[in-house]
ModelCIF file with pLDDT and N, C-alpha, C, O atoms, coordinates in Angstrom:
data_MODEL
#
_entry.id   MODEL 
#
_entity.id                         1 
_entity.type                       polymer 
_entity.pdbx_number_of_molecules   1 
#
_entity_poly.entity_id                      1 
_entity_poly.type                           'polypeptide(L)' 
_entity_poly.nstd_linkage                   no 
_entity_poly.nstd_monomer                   no 
_entity_poly.pdbx_seq_one_letter_code       LDILLFLSKNPGFDTATDIVDRKRFAKSHVSLSLKTLEE 
_entity_poly.pdbx_seq_one_letter_code_can   LDILLFLSKNPGFDTATDIVDRKRFAKSHVSLSLKTLEE 
_entity_poly.pdbx_strand_id                 A 
#
loop_
_entity_poly_seq.entity_id 
_entity_poly_seq.num 
_entity_poly_seq.mon_id 
_entity_poly_seq.hetero 
1 1  LEU n 
1 2  ASP n 
1 3  ILE n 
1 4  LEU n 
1 5  LEU n 
1 6  PHE n 
1 7  LEU n 
1 8  SER n 
1 9  LYS n 
1 10 ASN n 
1 11 PRO n 
1 12 GLY n 
1 13 PHE n 
1 14 ASP n 
1 15 THR n 
1 16 ALA n 
1 17 THR n 
1 18 ASP n 
1 19 ILE n 
1 20 VAL n 
1 21 ASP n 
1 22 ARG n 
1 23 LYS n 
1 24 ARG n 
1 25 PHE n 
1 26 ALA n 
1 27 LYS n 
1 28 SER n 
1 29 HIS n 
1 30 VAL n 
1 31 SER n 
1 32 LEU n 
1 33 SER n 
1 34 LEU n 
1 35 LYS n 
1 36 THR n 
1 37 LEU n 
1 38 GLU n 
1 39 GLU n 
#
_struct_asym.id          A 
_struct_asym.entity_id   1 
#
loop_
_ma_qa_metric.id 
_ma_qa_metric.mode 
_ma_qa_metric.name 
_ma_qa_metric.software_group_id 
_ma_qa_metric.type 
1 global pLDDT . pLDDT 
2 local  pLDDT . pLDDT 
#
_ma_qa_metric_global.metric_id      1 
_ma_qa_metric_global.metric_value   95.54 
_ma_qa_metric_global.model_id       1 
_ma_qa_metric_global.ordinal_id     1 
#
loop_
_ma_qa_metric_local.label_asym_id 
_ma_qa_metric_local.label_comp_id 
_ma_qa_metric_local.label_seq_id 
_ma_qa_metric_local.metric_id 
_ma_qa_metric_local.metric_value 
_ma_qa_metric_local.model_id 
_ma_qa_metric_local.ordinal_id 
A LEU 1  2 98.00 1 1  
A ASP 2  2 97.00 1 2  
A ILE 3  2 98.00 1 3  
A LEU 4  2 98.00 1 4  
A LEU 5  2 98.00 1 5  
A PHE 6  2 97.00 1 6  
A LEU 7  2 97.00 1 7  
A SER 8  2 97.00 1 8  
A LYS 9  2 96.00 1 9  
A ASN 10 2 95.00 1 10 
A PRO 11 2 89.00 1 11 
A GLY 12 2 90.00 1 12 
A PHE 13 2 95.00 1 13 
A ASP 14 2 95.00 1 14 
A THR 15 2 95.00 1 15 
A ALA 16 2 95.00 1 16 
A THR 17 2 95.00 1 17 
A ASP 18 2 96.00 1 18 
A ILE 19 2 96.00 1 19 
A VAL 20 2 96.00 1 20 
A ASP 21 2 93.00 1 21 
A ARG 22 2 92.00 1 22 
A LYS 23 2 93.00 1 23 
A ARG 24 2 90.00 1 24 
A PHE 25 2 94.00 1 25 
A ALA 26 2 94.00 1 26 
A LYS 27 2 95.00 1 27 
A SER 28 2 96.00 1 28 
A HIS 29 2 96.00 1 29 
A VAL 30 2 96.00 1 30 
A SER 31 2 96.00 1 31 
A LEU 32 2 97.00 1 32 
A SER 33 2 97.00 1 33 
A LEU 34 2 97.00 1 34 
A LYS 35 2 97.00 1 35 
A THR 36 2 98.00 1 36 
A LEU 37 2 98.00 1 37 
A GLU 38 2 97.00 1 38 
A GLU 39 2 97.00 1 39 
#
loop_
_atom_site.group_PDB 
_atom_site.id 
_atom_site.type_symbol 
_atom_site.label_atom_id 
_atom_site.label_alt_id 
_atom_site.label_comp_id 
_atom_site.label_asym_id 
_atom_site.label_entity_id 
_atom_site.label_seq_id 
_atom_site.pdbx_PDB_ins_code 
_atom_site.Cartn_x 
_atom_site.Cartn_y 
_atom_site.Cartn_z 
_atom_site.occupancy 
_atom_site.B_iso_or_equiv 
_atom_site.pdbx_formal_charge 
_atom_site.auth_seq_id 
_atom_site.auth_comp_id 
_atom_site.auth_asym_id 
_atom_site.auth_atom_id 
_atom_site.pdbx_PDB_model_num 
ATOM 1   N N  . LEU A 1 1  ? 0.878  -1.198  0.009   1.00 98.00 ? 1  LEU A N  1 
ATOM 2   C CA . LEU A 1 1  ? -0.055 -0.016  -0.008  1.00 98.00 ? 1  LEU A CA 1 
ATOM 3   C C  . LEU A 1 1  ? 0.875  1.274   -0.020  1.00 98.00 ? 1  LEU A C  1 
ATOM 4   O O  . LEU A 1 1  ? 0.639  2.222   -0.768  1.00 98.00 ? 1  LEU A O  1 
ATOM 5   N N  . ASP A 1 2  ? 1.908  1.243   0.830   1.00 97.00 ? 2  ASP A N  1 
ATOM 6   C CA . ASP A 1 2  ? 2.803  2.414   0.834   1.00 97.00 ? 2  ASP A CA 1 
ATOM 7   C C  . ASP A 1 2  ? 3.457  2.654   -0.535  1.00 97.00 ? 2  ASP A C  1 
ATOM 8   O O  . ASP A 1 2  ? 3.671  3.799   -0.932  1.00 97.00 ? 2  ASP A O  1 
ATOM 9   N N  . ILE A 1 3  ? 3.746  1.658   -1.192  1.00 98.00 ? 3  ILE A N  1 
ATOM 10  C CA . ILE A 1 3  ? 4.385  1.849   -2.568  1.00 98.00 ? 3  ILE A CA 1 
ATOM 11  C C  . ILE A 1 3  ? 3.363  2.407   -3.529  1.00 98.00 ? 3  ILE A C  1 
ATOM 12  O O  . ILE A 1 3  ? 3.687  3.332   -4.274  1.00 98.00 ? 3  ILE A O  1 
ATOM 13  N N  . LEU A 1 4  ? 2.162  1.905   -3.552  1.00 98.00 ? 4  LEU A N  1 
ATOM 14  C CA . LEU A 1 4  ? 1.142  2.417   -4.437  1.00 98.00 ? 4  LEU A CA 1 
ATOM 15  C C  . LEU A 1 4  ? 0.831  3.827   -4.103  1.00 98.00 ? 4  LEU A C  1 
ATOM 16  O O  . LEU A 1 4  ? 0.591  4.608   -5.023  1.00 98.00 ? 4  LEU A O  1 
ATOM 17  N N  . LEU A 1 5  ? 0.813  4.243   -2.806  1.00 98.00 ? 5  LEU A N  1 
ATOM 18  C CA . LEU A 1 5  ? 0.542  5.614   -2.466  1.00 98.00 ? 5  LEU A CA 1 
ATOM 19  C C  . LEU A 1 5  ? 1.706  6.476   -2.844  1.00 98.00 ? 5  LEU A C  1 
ATOM 20  O O  . LEU A 1 5  ? 1.502  7.594   -3.315  1.00 98.00 ? 5  LEU A O  1 
ATOM 21  N N  . PHE A 1 6  ? 2.902  6.020   -2.663  1.00 97.00 ? 6  PHE A N  1 
ATOM 22  C CA . PHE A 1 6  ? 4.132  6.742   -3.104  1.00 97.00 ? 6  PHE A CA 1 
ATOM 23  C C  . PHE A 1 6  ? 4.069  7.055   -4.582  1.00 97.00 ? 6  PHE A C  1 
ATOM 24  O O  . PHE A 1 6  ? 4.200  8.203   -5.005  1.00 97.00 ? 6  PHE A O  1 
ATOM 25  N N  . LEU A 1 7  ? 3.862  5.997   -5.363  1.00 97.00 ? 7  LEU A N  1 
ATOM 26  C CA . LEU A 1 7  ? 3.819  6.169   -6.805  1.00 97.00 ? 7  LEU A CA 1 
ATOM 27  C C  . LEU A 1 7  ? 2.756  7.190   -7.216  1.00 97.00 ? 7  LEU A C  1 
ATOM 28  O O  . LEU A 1 7  ? 2.982  8.009   -8.106  1.00 97.00 ? 7  LEU A O  1 
ATOM 29  N N  . SER A 1 8  ? 1.620  7.131   -6.571  1.00 97.00 ? 8  SER A N  1 
ATOM 30  C CA . SER A 1 8  ? 0.503  8.031   -6.923  1.00 97.00 ? 8  SER A CA 1 
ATOM 31  C C  . SER A 1 8  ? 0.819  9.518   -6.633  1.00 97.00 ? 8  SER A C  1 
ATOM 32  O O  . SER A 1 8  ? 0.336  10.420  -7.318  1.00 97.00 ? 8  SER A O  1 
ATOM 33  N N  . LYS A 1 9  ? 1.637  9.733   -5.604  1.00 96.00 ? 9  LYS A N  1 
ATOM 34  C CA . LYS A 1 9  ? 1.937  11.074  -5.178  1.00 96.00 ? 9  LYS A CA 1 
ATOM 35  C C  . LYS A 1 9  ? 3.235  11.664  -5.731  1.00 96.00 ? 9  LYS A C  1 
ATOM 36  O O  . LYS A 1 9  ? 3.456  12.870  -5.620  1.00 96.00 ? 9  LYS A O  1 
ATOM 37  N N  . ASN A 1 10 ? 4.082  10.847  -6.313  1.00 95.00 ? 10 ASN A N  1 
ATOM 38  C CA . ASN A 1 10 ? 5.434  11.188  -6.713  1.00 95.00 ? 10 ASN A CA 1 
ATOM 39  C C  . ASN A 1 10 ? 5.680  10.704  -8.207  1.00 95.00 ? 10 ASN A C  1 
ATOM 40  O O  . ASN A 1 10 ? 6.525  9.843   -8.449  1.00 95.00 ? 10 ASN A O  1 
ATOM 41  N N  . PRO A 1 11 ? 4.917  11.285  -9.187  1.00 89.00 ? 11 PRO A N  1 
ATOM 42  C CA . PRO A 1 11 ? 5.097  10.777  -10.580 1.00 89.00 ? 11 PRO A CA 1 
ATOM 43  C C  . PRO A 1 11 ? 6.524  10.859  -11.130 1.00 89.00 ? 11 PRO A C  1 
ATOM 44  O O  . PRO A 1 11 ? 6.871  10.103  -12.038 1.00 89.00 ? 11 PRO A O  1 
ATOM 45  N N  . GLY A 1 12 ? 7.336  11.739  -10.613 1.00 90.00 ? 12 GLY A N  1 
ATOM 46  C CA . GLY A 1 12 ? 8.663  11.873  -11.140 1.00 90.00 ? 12 GLY A CA 1 
ATOM 47  C C  . GLY A 1 12 ? 9.705  10.882  -10.533 1.00 90.00 ? 12 GLY A C  1 
ATOM 48  O O  . GLY A 1 12 ? 10.848 10.778  -10.978 1.00 90.00 ? 12 GLY A O  1 
ATOM 49  N N  . PHE A 1 13 ? 9.225  10.171  -9.492  1.00 95.00 ? 13 PHE A N  1 
ATOM 50  C CA . PHE A 1 13 ? 10.055 9.207   -8.805  1.00 95.00 ? 13 PHE A CA 1 
ATOM 51  C C  . PHE A 1 13 ? 9.342  7.871   -8.914  1.00 95.00 ? 13 PHE A C  1 
ATOM 52  O O  . PHE A 1 13 ? 8.563  7.456   -8.056  1.00 95.00 ? 13 PHE A O  1 
ATOM 53  N N  . ASP A 1 14 ? 9.659  7.231   -10.023 1.00 95.00 ? 14 ASP A N  1 
ATOM 54  C CA . ASP A 1 14 ? 8.897  6.008   -10.386 1.00 95.00 ? 14 ASP A CA 1 
ATOM 55  C C  . ASP A 1 14 ? 9.773  4.777   -10.616 1.00 95.00 ? 14 ASP A C  1 
ATOM 56  O O  . ASP A 1 14 ? 9.434  3.928   -11.440 1.00 95.00 ? 14 ASP A O  1 
ATOM 57  N N  . THR A 1 15 ? 10.874 4.671   -9.912  1.00 95.00 ? 15 THR A N  1 
ATOM 58  C CA . THR A 1 15 ? 11.741 3.489   -10.004 1.00 95.00 ? 15 THR A CA 1 
ATOM 59  C C  . THR A 1 15 ? 11.792 2.882   -8.651  1.00 95.00 ? 15 THR A C  1 
ATOM 60  O O  . THR A 1 15 ? 11.407 3.502   -7.659  1.00 95.00 ? 15 THR A O  1 
ATOM 61  N N  . ALA A 1 16 ? 12.307 1.560   -8.597  1.00 95.00 ? 16 ALA A N  1 
ATOM 62  C CA . ALA A 1 16 ? 12.466 0.935   -7.355  1.00 95.00 ? 16 ALA A CA 1 
ATOM 63  C C  . ALA A 1 16 ? 13.508 1.613   -6.453  1.00 95.00 ? 16 ALA A C  1 
ATOM 64  O O  . ALA A 1 16 ? 13.398 1.599   -5.227  1.00 95.00 ? 16 ALA A O  1 
ATOM 65  N N  . THR A 1 17 ? 14.526 2.209   -7.104  1.00 95.00 ? 17 THR A N  1 
ATOM 66  C CA . THR A 1 17 ? 15.611 2.923   -6.428  1.00 95.00 ? 17 THR A CA 1 
ATOM 67  C C  . THR A 1 17 ? 15.051 4.164   -5.785  1.00 95.00 ? 17 THR A C  1 
ATOM 68  O O  . THR A 1 17 ? 15.449 4.539   -4.682  1.00 95.00 ? 17 THR A O  1 
ATOM 69  N N  . ASP A 1 18 ? 14.100 4.821   -6.494  1.00 96.00 ? 18 ASP A N  1 
ATOM 70  C CA . ASP A 1 18 ? 13.414 6.149   -5.971  1.00 96.00 ? 18 ASP A CA 1 
ATOM 71  C C  . ASP A 1 18 ? 12.736 5.694   -4.627  1.00 96.00 ? 18 ASP A C  1 
ATOM 72  O O  . ASP A 1 18 ? 12.865 6.381   -3.614  1.00 96.00 ? 18 ASP A O  1 
ATOM 73  N N  . ILE A 1 19 ? 12.030 4.556   -4.631  1.00 96.00 ? 19 ILE A N  1 
ATOM 74  C CA . ILE A 1 19 ? 11.246 4.124   -3.480  1.00 96.00 ? 19 ILE A CA 1 
ATOM 75  C C  . ILE A 1 19 ? 12.227 3.857   -2.340  1.00 96.00 ? 19 ILE A C  1 
ATOM 76  O O  . ILE A 1 19 ? 12.074 4.363   -1.229  1.00 96.00 ? 19 ILE A O  1 
ATOM 77  N N  . VAL A 1 20 ? 13.239 3.046   -2.650  1.00 96.00 ? 20 VAL A N  1 
ATOM 78  C CA . VAL A 1 20 ? 14.271 2.721   -1.548  1.00 96.00 ? 20 VAL A CA 1 
ATOM 79  C C  . VAL A 1 20 ? 14.878 4.020   -0.973  1.00 96.00 ? 20 VAL A C  1 
ATOM 80  O O  . VAL A 1 20 ? 14.965 4.203   0.241   1.00 96.00 ? 20 VAL A O  1 
ATOM 81  N N  . ASP A 1 21 ? 15.277 4.879   -1.860  1.00 93.00 ? 21 ASP A N  1 
ATOM 82  C CA . ASP A 1 21 ? 16.018 6.093   -1.382  1.00 93.00 ? 21 ASP A CA 1 
ATOM 83  C C  . ASP A 1 21 ? 15.009 7.035   -0.707  1.00 93.00 ? 21 ASP A C  1 
ATOM 84  O O  . ASP A 1 21 ? 15.361 7.591   0.333   1.00 93.00 ? 21 ASP A O  1 
ATOM 85  N N  . ARG A 1 22 ? 13.922 7.236   -1.154  1.00 92.00 ? 22 ARG A N  1 
ATOM 86  C CA . ARG A 1 22 ? 12.986 8.244   -0.585  1.00 92.00 ? 22 ARG A CA 1 
ATOM 87  C C  . ARG A 1 22 ? 12.201 7.740   0.710   1.00 92.00 ? 22 ARG A C  1 
ATOM 88  O O  . ARG A 1 22 ? 11.959 8.491   1.655   1.00 92.00 ? 22 ARG A O  1 
ATOM 89  N N  . LYS A 1 23 ? 11.857 6.505   0.668   1.00 93.00 ? 23 LYS A N  1 
ATOM 90  C CA . LYS A 1 23 ? 11.013 5.925   1.745   1.00 93.00 ? 23 LYS A CA 1 
ATOM 91  C C  . LYS A 1 23 ? 11.972 5.225   2.720   1.00 93.00 ? 23 LYS A C  1 
ATOM 92  O O  . LYS A 1 23 ? 11.523 4.880   3.813   1.00 93.00 ? 23 LYS A O  1 
ATOM 93  N N  . ARG A 1 24 ? 13.209 4.997   2.423   1.00 90.00 ? 24 ARG A N  1 
ATOM 94  C CA . ARG A 1 24 ? 14.112 4.285   3.318   1.00 90.00 ? 24 ARG A CA 1 
ATOM 95  C C  . ARG A 1 24 ? 13.728 2.903   3.645   1.00 90.00 ? 24 ARG A C  1 
ATOM 96  O O  . ARG A 1 24 ? 13.960 2.441   4.762   1.00 90.00 ? 24 ARG A O  1 
ATOM 97  N N  . PHE A 1 25 ? 13.095 2.159   2.631   1.00 94.00 ? 25 PHE A N  1 
ATOM 98  C CA . PHE A 1 25 ? 12.679 0.772   2.694   1.00 94.00 ? 25 PHE A CA 1 
ATOM 99  C C  . PHE A 1 25 ? 13.829 -0.098  2.253   1.00 94.00 ? 25 PHE A C  1 
ATOM 100 O O  . PHE A 1 25 ? 14.638 0.311   1.420   1.00 94.00 ? 25 PHE A O  1 
ATOM 101 N N  . ALA A 1 26 ? 13.911 -1.307  2.810   1.00 94.00 ? 26 ALA A N  1 
ATOM 102 C CA . ALA A 1 26 ? 14.921 -2.272  2.382   1.00 94.00 ? 26 ALA A CA 1 
ATOM 103 C C  . ALA A 1 26 ? 14.713 -2.703  0.915   1.00 94.00 ? 26 ALA A C  1 
ATOM 104 O O  . ALA A 1 26 ? 13.590 -2.990  0.499   1.00 94.00 ? 26 ALA A O  1 
ATOM 105 N N  . LYS A 1 27 ? 15.823 -2.744  0.132   1.00 95.00 ? 27 LYS A N  1 
ATOM 106 C CA . LYS A 1 27 ? 15.650 -3.176  -1.212  1.00 95.00 ? 27 LYS A CA 1 
ATOM 107 C C  . LYS A 1 27 ? 14.899 -4.422  -1.434  1.00 95.00 ? 27 LYS A C  1 
ATOM 108 O O  . LYS A 1 27 ? 14.076 -4.533  -2.343  1.00 95.00 ? 27 LYS A O  1 
ATOM 109 N N  . SER A 1 28 ? 15.210 -5.441  -0.526  1.00 96.00 ? 28 SER A N  1 
ATOM 110 C CA . SER A 1 28 ? 14.632 -6.744  -0.679  1.00 96.00 ? 28 SER A CA 1 
ATOM 111 C C  . SER A 1 28 ? 13.112 -6.718  -0.500  1.00 96.00 ? 28 SER A C  1 
ATOM 112 O O  . SER A 1 28 ? 12.381 -7.382  -1.235  1.00 96.00 ? 28 SER A O  1 
ATOM 113 N N  . HIS A 1 29 ? 12.622 -5.903  0.537   1.00 96.00 ? 29 HIS A N  1 
ATOM 114 C CA . HIS A 1 29 ? 11.266 -5.779  0.713   1.00 96.00 ? 29 HIS A CA 1 
ATOM 115 C C  . HIS A 1 29 ? 10.519 -5.017  -0.366  1.00 96.00 ? 29 HIS A C  1 
ATOM 116 O O  . HIS A 1 29 ? 9.377  -5.354  -0.679  1.00 96.00 ? 29 HIS A O  1 
ATOM 117 N N  . VAL A 1 30 ? 11.133 -4.010  -0.935  1.00 96.00 ? 30 VAL A N  1 
ATOM 118 C CA . VAL A 1 30 ? 10.623 -3.280  -2.098  1.00 96.00 ? 30 VAL A CA 1 
ATOM 119 C C  . VAL A 1 30 ? 10.489 -4.277  -3.307  1.00 96.00 ? 30 VAL A C  1 
ATOM 120 O O  . VAL A 1 30 ? 9.444  -4.342  -3.955  1.00 96.00 ? 30 VAL A O  1 
ATOM 121 N N  . SER A 1 31 ? 11.532 -5.012  -3.567  1.00 96.00 ? 31 SER A N  1 
ATOM 122 C CA . SER A 1 31 ? 11.535 -5.886  -4.640  1.00 96.00 ? 31 SER A CA 1 
ATOM 123 C C  . SER A 1 31 ? 10.431 -6.961  -4.560  1.00 96.00 ? 31 SER A C  1 
ATOM 124 O O  . SER A 1 31 ? 9.722  -7.249  -5.524  1.00 96.00 ? 31 SER A O  1 
ATOM 125 N N  . LEU A 1 32 ? 10.335 -7.521  -3.372  1.00 97.00 ? 32 LEU A N  1 
ATOM 126 C CA . LEU A 1 32 ? 9.277  -8.525  -3.184  1.00 97.00 ? 32 LEU A CA 1 
ATOM 127 C C  . LEU A 1 32 ? 7.811  -7.955  -3.298  1.00 97.00 ? 32 LEU A C  1 
ATOM 128 O O  . LEU A 1 32 ? 6.897  -8.598  -3.814  1.00 97.00 ? 32 LEU A O  1 
ATOM 129 N N  . SER A 1 33 ? 7.669  -6.676  -2.765  1.00 97.00 ? 33 SER A N  1 
ATOM 130 C CA . SER A 1 33 ? 6.398  -6.037  -2.902  1.00 97.00 ? 33 SER A CA 1 
ATOM 131 C C  . SER A 1 33 ? 6.024  -5.681  -4.295  1.00 97.00 ? 33 SER A C  1 
ATOM 132 O O  . SER A 1 33 ? 4.865  -5.780  -4.698  1.00 97.00 ? 33 SER A O  1 
ATOM 133 N N  . LEU A 1 34 ? 7.068  -5.241  -5.070  1.00 97.00 ? 34 LEU A N  1 
ATOM 134 C CA . LEU A 1 34 ? 6.825  -4.865  -6.452  1.00 97.00 ? 34 LEU A CA 1 
ATOM 135 C C  . LEU A 1 34 ? 6.405  -6.083  -7.267  1.00 97.00 ? 34 LEU A C  1 
ATOM 136 O O  . LEU A 1 34 ? 5.559  -6.000  -8.158  1.00 97.00 ? 34 LEU A O  1 
ATOM 137 N N  . LYS A 1 35 ? 7.037  -7.244  -6.926  1.00 97.00 ? 35 LYS A N  1 
ATOM 138 C CA . LYS A 1 35 ? 6.712  -8.487  -7.661  1.00 97.00 ? 35 LYS A CA 1 
ATOM 139 C C  . LYS A 1 35 ? 5.233  -8.793  -7.403  1.00 97.00 ? 35 LYS A C  1 
ATOM 140 O O  . LYS A 1 35 ? 4.504  -9.093  -8.348  1.00 97.00 ? 35 LYS A O  1 
ATOM 141 N N  . THR A 1 36 ? 4.764  -8.723  -6.124  1.00 98.00 ? 36 THR A N  1 
ATOM 142 C CA . THR A 1 36 ? 3.464  -9.028  -5.756  1.00 98.00 ? 36 THR A CA 1 
ATOM 143 C C  . THR A 1 36 ? 2.463  -8.031  -6.432  1.00 98.00 ? 36 THR A C  1 
ATOM 144 O O  . THR A 1 36 ? 1.423  -8.446  -6.943  1.00 98.00 ? 36 THR A O  1 
ATOM 145 N N  . LEU A 1 37 ? 2.784  -6.784  -6.420  1.00 98.00 ? 37 LEU A N  1 
ATOM 146 C CA . LEU A 1 37 ? 1.937  -5.754  -7.036  1.00 98.00 ? 37 LEU A CA 1 
ATOM 147 C C  . LEU A 1 37 ? 1.773  -5.949  -8.471  1.00 98.00 ? 37 LEU A C  1 
ATOM 148 O O  . LEU A 1 37 ? 0.690  -5.778  -9.031  1.00 98.00 ? 37 LEU A O  1 
ATOM 149 N N  . GLU A 1 38 ? 2.946  -6.342  -9.131  1.00 97.00 ? 38 GLU A N  1 
ATOM 150 C CA . GLU A 1 38 ? 2.837  -6.665  -10.555 1.00 97.00 ? 38 GLU A CA 1 
ATOM 151 C C  . GLU A 1 38 ? 1.987  -7.903  -10.907 1.00 97.00 ? 38 GLU A C  1 
ATOM 152 O O  . GLU A 1 38 ? 1.193  -7.920  -11.847 1.00 97.00 ? 38 GLU A O  1 
ATOM 153 N N  . GLU A 1 39 ? 2.212  -8.904  -10.101 1.00 97.00 ? 39 GLU A N  1 
ATOM 154 C CA . GLU A 1 39 ? 1.370  -10.154 -10.254 1.00 97.00 ? 39 GLU A CA 1 
ATOM 155 C C  . GLU A 1 39 ? -0.103 -9.891  -10.072 1.00 97.00 ? 39 GLU A C  1 
ATOM 156 O O  . GLU A 1 39 ? -0.912 -10.814 -10.169 1.00 97.00 ? 39 GLU A O  1 
#
């Protein structure tokens, strides 16, 4: 949910790296969440 909300509010920051850098989430957690969201 945090990733979906981030992407909706930050259209210029739309990469996994942007999410990790700006939200300070672990890369592994972002990667897993993105996989689930895509599926």
